[in-house]
Amino acid sequence: MKVMGSHITIGSIELSYCHRVKVTSSWKTLTDTASVWLPNLRSTLQEGIRSGDAVTIQLGYDGELRTEFQGFVAEVVPTKPFEVRCEDAMWQLKQQQVNQSWASTTLEVVLRYLVGASASIDVPTIELKPFRLVNTTVYGALQKIKDEYGLAVYYRDGVLRCTLPYVEPSATQLAYDFQFNALQEGLVFRRADQVKVRIRAIGVRPDNTRITVEVGDTDGELHTLHYYDKTEAELRDLASRKLDTLRFDGYRGSFKAFGQPLVRHSDTAQLSDERYPERAGSFAIDSVTTEYGPSGFRRKVELGKSLAA
């Protein structure tokens, strides 16, 4: 039997134990979060932890630990055991105010202004004109970019990535077998004719005006996509093609897995089930929720699009 292990650093405090850990990570949100529950030890431990302290969480089995989270203390909650709530590098960006406007610029220029010329970023070439940031934070500015241009914005391995969803150079493919290392809890298999989907395609012109078209089922699940400098006919064609990729025979929802292997959002899950071999398929991963504690070391893996469609 494998022995669970942890190593947690909070500021100058290093711990080889904890009551429980929960880490949530998704390309759909700007911020990865973590909570660590610790025994109070007559308040001495709680009193030594402050907002802004750097945090590293490592988890694993048999002494082989992997980094699951890096960030900062956002707040300490005086429960029993007390809870340390943490956020990734986005926490720092919530503390920085910005006011700036450009008559014509690019996304890279804006990001360099927001996070500094020396920061590691990965960004596509996108023109922004005009673009204004008024009485907001760097975090709020990134949220504006994410919402208005449909980009995935997140930190990974110290790099601020601002790009289309699932375009992750460090992504890996992981095999999950429902008779070996995964549970179907939370997962359903649906056929294409059971799926109702509506696509809203928003085209952003160079002058920052927009064109919107919709295709699909009026009562279907809404998916919003953003494109750059496309005609209305091109948007309709792109939306129709996307509609076809979302109507597929395959799994929807989430499944449960063990703590190993390490899995991150934007990786690929290759699913197989010997009882239903025809249901095998590969899916992008939208989010991962990791829990470590008395009940074990488990992950909830939420599936995104089918990669076979």
Protein backbone atom coordinates (compact mmCIF):
# COMPACT_ATOMS: atom_id res chain seq x y z
CA MET A 1 0.00 0.00 0.00
CA LYS A 2 1.29 3.45 -0.89
CA VAL A 3 1.89 5.93 1.92
CA MET A 4 0.58 9.47 1.38
CA GLY A 5 2.87 12.39 2.10
CA SER A 6 2.88 16.18 2.01
CA HIS A 7 5.24 19.12 2.37
CA ILE A 8 3.76 22.58 2.76
CA THR A 9 5.69 25.85 2.98
CA ILE A 10 3.90 29.02 4.19
CA GLY A 11 6.26 31.98 4.53
CA SER A 12 9.09 30.75 6.76
CA ILE A 13 7.01 27.84 8.12
CA GLU A 14 7.64 24.35 6.73
CA LEU A 15 5.20 21.54 7.52
CA SER A 16 5.27 17.82 6.76
CA TYR A 17 1.70 17.38 7.97
CA CYS A 18 -1.75 18.90 7.50
CA HIS A 19 -5.34 18.04 8.27
CA ARG A 20 -6.61 18.50 4.72
CA VAL A 21 -5.79 20.20 1.40
CA LYS A 22 -8.01 21.22 -1.51
CA VAL A 23 -6.65 22.70 -4.77
CA THR A 24 -8.86 23.92 -7.63
CA SER A 25 -7.46 24.77 -11.07
CA SER A 26 -9.20 25.64 -14.37
CA TRP A 27 -8.48 27.57 -17.56
CA LYS A 28 -12.00 28.99 -17.24
CA THR A 29 -11.00 31.11 -14.24
CA LEU A 30 -8.09 33.50 -13.83
CA THR A 31 -7.09 32.23 -10.41
CA ASP A 32 -6.12 28.81 -9.13
CA THR A 33 -7.04 28.46 -5.46
CA ALA A 34 -6.04 26.25 -2.55
CA SER A 35 -7.15 25.73 1.04
CA VAL A 36 -5.01 24.13 3.71
CA TRP A 37 -6.52 23.07 7.03
CA LEU A 38 -4.02 22.94 9.92
CA PRO A 39 -4.19 22.16 13.65
CA ASN A 40 -4.05 25.31 15.76
CA LEU A 41 -1.23 24.27 18.13
CA ARG A 42 -2.37 26.75 20.81
CA SER A 43 -2.66 29.51 18.17
CA THR A 44 1.11 29.74 17.65
CA LEU A 45 0.93 28.40 14.09
CA GLN A 46 -2.10 30.47 13.12
CA GLU A 47 -0.55 33.67 14.49
CA GLY A 48 2.61 33.10 12.42
CA ILE A 49 0.76 33.12 9.08
CA ARG A 50 -0.01 36.40 7.33
CA SER A 51 -1.80 37.48 4.17
CA GLY A 52 0.72 37.65 1.33
CA ASP A 53 3.00 34.90 2.64
CA ALA A 54 4.32 32.72 -0.18
CA VAL A 55 2.83 29.21 -0.32
CA THR A 56 4.03 25.96 -1.91
CA ILE A 57 2.03 22.73 -1.61
CA GLN A 58 3.61 19.39 -2.49
CA LEU A 59 1.72 16.10 -2.33
CA GLY A 60 2.44 12.52 -3.28
CA TYR A 61 3.08 8.95 -2.21
CA ASP A 62 6.08 7.11 -0.71
CA GLY A 63 8.24 10.22 -0.48
CA GLU A 64 7.78 11.17 -4.16
CA LEU A 65 6.14 14.58 -3.91
CA ARG A 66 5.01 16.83 -6.77
CA THR A 67 4.22 20.53 -6.59
CA GLU A 68 0.44 20.92 -6.74
CA PHE A 69 0.19 24.66 -6.02
CA GLN A 70 2.27 27.80 -5.70
CA GLY A 71 0.85 31.14 -4.64
CA PHE A 72 0.14 33.37 -1.66
CA VAL A 73 -1.97 33.43 1.47
CA ALA A 74 -5.19 35.35 0.75
CA GLU A 75 -6.72 35.00 4.23
CA VAL A 76 -6.67 32.90 7.38
CA VAL A 77 -10.05 31.65 8.62
CA PRO A 78 -10.23 30.90 12.39
CA THR A 79 -12.06 27.58 12.16
CA LYS A 80 -11.03 24.40 14.01
CA PRO A 81 -8.79 23.23 12.41
CA PHE A 82 -8.04 26.68 11.00
CA GLU A 83 -8.09 27.23 7.24
CA VAL A 84 -5.45 29.00 5.16
CA ARG A 85 -7.02 30.20 1.89
CA CYS A 86 -4.55 30.75 -0.91
CA GLU A 87 -4.51 32.11 -4.47
CA ASP A 88 -1.88 31.74 -7.17
CA ALA A 89 0.18 34.64 -8.60
CA MET A 90 -3.05 36.42 -9.57
CA TRP A 91 -3.31 37.45 -5.89
CA GLN A 92 -0.45 39.90 -6.39
CA LEU A 93 -2.15 41.40 -9.44
CA LYS A 94 -5.26 42.16 -7.37
CA GLN A 95 -3.17 44.55 -5.28
CA GLN A 96 -1.97 46.72 -8.20
CA GLN A 97 -4.09 49.60 -9.51
CA VAL A 98 -3.96 50.72 -13.17
CA ASN A 99 -5.30 53.60 -15.29
CA GLN A 100 -4.25 53.67 -18.92
CA SER A 101 -5.65 54.05 -22.43
CA TRP A 102 -4.39 53.36 -25.94
CA ALA A 103 -5.77 54.67 -29.22
CA SER A 104 -4.19 51.70 -30.99
CA THR A 105 -2.08 48.91 -29.51
CA THR A 106 -1.58 45.14 -29.32
CA LEU A 107 -2.39 42.59 -26.65
CA GLU A 108 1.32 42.00 -26.03
CA VAL A 109 1.95 45.70 -25.36
CA VAL A 110 -0.96 45.80 -22.90
CA LEU A 111 0.24 42.69 -21.07
CA ARG A 112 3.78 44.04 -20.85
CA TYR A 113 2.38 47.21 -19.31
CA LEU A 114 0.32 45.18 -16.83
CA VAL A 115 2.87 42.62 -15.63
CA GLY A 116 6.22 44.20 -16.54
CA ALA A 117 8.70 43.97 -19.38
CA SER A 118 10.70 41.19 -17.72
CA ALA A 119 7.71 38.90 -17.00
CA SER A 120 7.34 35.62 -18.89
CA ILE A 121 4.22 35.75 -21.04
CA ASP A 122 2.75 33.74 -23.92
CA VAL A 123 0.35 35.79 -26.05
CA PRO A 124 -1.01 35.76 -29.64
CA THR A 125 -0.78 38.75 -31.96
CA ILE A 126 -4.04 40.64 -31.50
CA GLU A 127 -4.70 44.29 -32.24
CA LEU A 128 -6.63 46.33 -29.68
CA LYS A 129 -7.95 49.72 -30.73
CA PRO A 130 -9.02 51.55 -28.78
CA PHE A 131 -8.41 49.97 -25.36
CA ARG A 132 -9.00 51.65 -21.99
CA LEU A 133 -8.38 50.66 -18.39
CA VAL A 134 -10.09 52.95 -15.90
CA ASN A 135 -9.76 52.66 -12.09
CA THR A 136 -9.15 48.93 -12.08
CA THR A 137 -6.51 46.46 -10.94
CA VAL A 138 -4.14 44.45 -13.10
CA TYR A 139 -6.34 41.46 -12.24
CA GLY A 140 -9.45 43.38 -13.38
CA ALA A 141 -7.70 44.29 -16.63
CA LEU A 142 -6.92 40.62 -17.32
CA GLN A 143 -10.54 39.72 -16.56
CA LYS A 144 -11.64 42.35 -19.12
CA ILE A 145 -9.33 40.83 -21.74
CA LYS A 146 -10.58 37.32 -20.94
CA ASP A 147 -14.26 38.29 -21.12
CA GLU A 148 -14.12 40.53 -24.19
CA TYR A 149 -11.81 38.42 -26.34
CA GLY A 150 -12.69 34.90 -25.22
CA LEU A 151 -9.13 34.01 -24.24
CA ALA A 152 -7.88 31.64 -21.57
CA VAL A 153 -5.76 33.65 -19.10
CA TYR A 154 -3.85 31.81 -16.38
CA TYR A 155 -0.43 31.24 -14.83
CA ARG A 156 1.44 28.01 -15.45
CA ASP A 157 5.00 27.31 -14.35
CA GLY A 158 5.65 31.01 -13.84
CA VAL A 159 4.39 32.02 -17.29
CA LEU A 160 1.29 34.18 -17.78
CA ARG A 161 -0.55 32.52 -20.64
CA CYS A 162 -3.14 34.53 -22.56
CA THR A 163 -4.27 32.49 -25.54
CA LEU A 164 -7.06 30.36 -26.96
CA PRO A 165 -8.37 27.56 -24.70
CA TYR A 166 -6.51 24.22 -24.81
CA VAL A 167 -3.45 25.68 -26.57
CA GLU A 168 -1.05 24.57 -23.84
CA PRO A 169 2.50 23.58 -24.89
CA SER A 170 3.17 21.66 -21.66
CA ALA A 171 -0.03 19.56 -21.94
CA THR A 172 0.31 15.80 -21.56
CA GLN A 173 -1.92 12.85 -22.45
CA LEU A 174 -3.02 10.66 -19.54
CA ALA A 175 -4.68 7.25 -19.78
CA TYR A 176 -7.63 6.46 -17.49
CA ASP A 177 -9.21 3.02 -17.33
CA PHE A 178 -12.51 2.70 -15.44
CA GLN A 179 -11.52 -0.80 -14.29
CA PHE A 180 -8.12 0.32 -13.04
CA ASN A 181 -7.47 3.95 -12.07
CA ALA A 182 -10.69 5.97 -12.44
CA LEU A 183 -14.31 6.00 -11.25
CA GLN A 184 -17.20 7.10 -13.46
CA GLU A 185 -18.79 9.05 -10.61
CA GLY A 186 -20.21 12.29 -12.11
CA LEU A 187 -19.71 11.11 -15.70
CA VAL A 188 -22.43 10.38 -18.26
CA PHE A 189 -22.31 9.02 -21.80
CA ARG A 190 -24.57 10.78 -24.28
CA ARG A 191 -25.19 10.20 -27.96
CA ALA A 192 -25.01 13.00 -30.49
CA ASP A 193 -28.77 13.06 -31.10
CA GLN A 194 -29.35 13.70 -27.37
CA VAL A 195 -27.23 16.84 -27.32
CA LYS A 196 -28.73 20.32 -27.74
CA VAL A 197 -26.19 23.06 -28.32
CA ARG A 198 -26.30 26.74 -29.28
CA ILE A 199 -23.22 28.56 -30.57
CA ARG A 200 -22.83 32.32 -30.26
CA ALA A 201 -19.91 33.53 -32.39
CA ILE A 202 -18.65 37.04 -31.72
CA GLY A 203 -16.37 38.65 -34.27
CA VAL A 204 -14.12 41.47 -33.07
CA ARG A 205 -13.22 43.94 -35.83
CA PRO A 206 -9.90 45.85 -35.86
CA ASP A 207 -11.73 48.97 -34.60
CA ASN A 208 -13.04 46.91 -31.62
CA THR A 209 -16.66 46.82 -32.87
CA ARG A 210 -18.38 43.43 -32.90
CA ILE A 211 -20.51 41.15 -35.10
CA THR A 212 -22.59 38.39 -33.46
CA VAL A 213 -24.20 35.34 -35.06
CA GLU A 214 -25.93 32.33 -33.47
CA VAL A 215 -26.50 28.82 -34.78
CA GLY A 216 -27.89 25.61 -33.28
CA ASP A 217 -30.76 24.79 -30.94
CA THR A 218 -32.50 27.82 -29.46
CA ASP A 219 -32.96 25.94 -26.17
CA GLY A 220 -29.51 24.34 -26.24
CA GLU A 221 -26.50 24.79 -23.97
CA LEU A 222 -24.85 28.08 -24.92
CA HIS A 223 -21.21 28.18 -26.02
CA THR A 224 -19.73 31.61 -26.76
CA LEU A 225 -16.73 31.91 -29.07
CA HIS A 226 -14.64 34.91 -30.08
CA TYR A 227 -12.86 35.46 -33.40
CA TYR A 228 -10.87 38.33 -34.84
CA ASP A 229 -11.48 40.29 -38.03
CA LYS A 230 -14.02 37.88 -39.59
CA THR A 231 -16.99 38.61 -41.88
CA GLU A 232 -20.50 37.58 -40.86
CA ALA A 233 -20.42 34.71 -43.40
CA GLU A 234 -17.09 33.49 -42.03
CA LEU A 235 -18.44 33.65 -38.46
CA ARG A 236 -21.50 31.59 -39.41
CA ASP A 237 -19.31 28.98 -41.09
CA LEU A 238 -16.96 28.78 -38.09
CA ALA A 239 -19.91 28.51 -35.66
CA SER A 240 -21.52 25.73 -37.75
CA ARG A 241 -18.29 23.75 -37.79
CA LYS A 242 -17.92 24.19 -34.04
CA LEU A 243 -21.49 22.97 -33.59
CA ASP A 244 -20.57 19.72 -35.34
CA THR A 245 -17.66 19.15 -32.94
CA LEU A 246 -19.95 19.51 -29.90
CA ARG A 247 -22.56 17.06 -31.12
CA PHE A 248 -20.76 13.78 -30.60
CA ASP A 249 -21.18 10.38 -29.00
CA GLY A 250 -19.12 10.58 -25.83
CA TYR A 251 -18.69 11.40 -22.16
CA ARG A 252 -19.79 14.58 -20.42
CA GLY A 253 -19.16 15.71 -16.87
CA SER A 254 -16.39 14.67 -14.50
CA PHE A 255 -14.77 11.52 -13.13
CA LYS A 256 -12.77 10.65 -10.01
CA ALA A 257 -9.10 9.62 -10.14
CA PHE A 258 -6.28 8.89 -7.71
CA GLY A 259 -3.57 11.36 -6.71
CA GLN A 260 -1.23 9.83 -9.27
CA PRO A 261 -0.64 10.68 -12.02
CA LEU A 262 -0.35 14.45 -11.75
CA VAL A 263 -3.00 15.95 -14.04
CA ARG A 264 -3.62 19.60 -14.89
CA HIS A 265 -6.25 21.50 -16.81
CA SER A 266 -5.68 21.55 -20.60
CA ASP A 267 -4.12 18.06 -20.46
CA THR A 268 -5.79 15.25 -22.42
CA ALA A 269 -7.67 12.37 -20.77
CA GLN A 270 -7.77 9.17 -22.81
CA LEU A 271 -10.70 7.18 -21.38
CA SER A 272 -11.35 3.47 -21.76
CA ASP A 273 -13.83 0.99 -20.32
CA GLU A 274 -13.50 -2.74 -21.05
CA ARG A 275 -17.26 -3.19 -20.55
CA TYR A 276 -17.99 -0.61 -23.25
CA PRO A 277 -14.93 -0.52 -25.53
CA GLU A 278 -16.87 1.46 -28.15
CA ARG A 279 -17.03 4.41 -25.73
CA ALA A 280 -13.26 4.97 -25.64
CA GLY A 281 -12.18 8.49 -26.49
CA SER A 282 -9.89 11.41 -25.80
CA PHE A 283 -11.07 14.62 -24.14
CA ALA A 284 -9.53 17.94 -23.19
CA ILE A 285 -9.57 18.64 -19.45
CA ASP A 286 -11.31 21.82 -18.29
CA SER A 287 -10.57 21.71 -14.57
CA VAL A 288 -9.04 19.60 -11.80
CA THR A 289 -10.02 19.64 -8.12
CA THR A 290 -7.51 17.86 -5.90
CA GLU A 291 -8.32 16.77 -2.33
CA TYR A 292 -5.88 15.31 0.16
CA GLY A 293 -6.71 14.26 3.70
CA PRO A 294 -8.11 11.54 5.96
CA SER A 295 -10.29 10.16 3.14
CA GLY A 296 -7.32 9.79 0.79
CA PHE A 297 -5.69 11.57 -2.15
CA ARG A 298 -8.18 12.02 -4.98
CA ARG A 299 -8.88 14.21 -7.98
CA LYS A 300 -12.10 15.32 -9.65
CA VAL A 301 -11.36 15.76 -13.37
CA GLU A 302 -13.87 17.78 -15.41
CA LEU A 303 -13.94 17.01 -19.12
CA GLY A 304 -14.10 19.58 -21.89
CA LYS A 305 -14.36 19.07 -25.63
CA SER A 306 -13.94 15.72 -27.38
CA LEU A 307 -10.65 15.60 -29.27
CA ALA A 308 -11.91 12.91 -31.62
CA ALA A 309 -14.73 15.05 -33.04
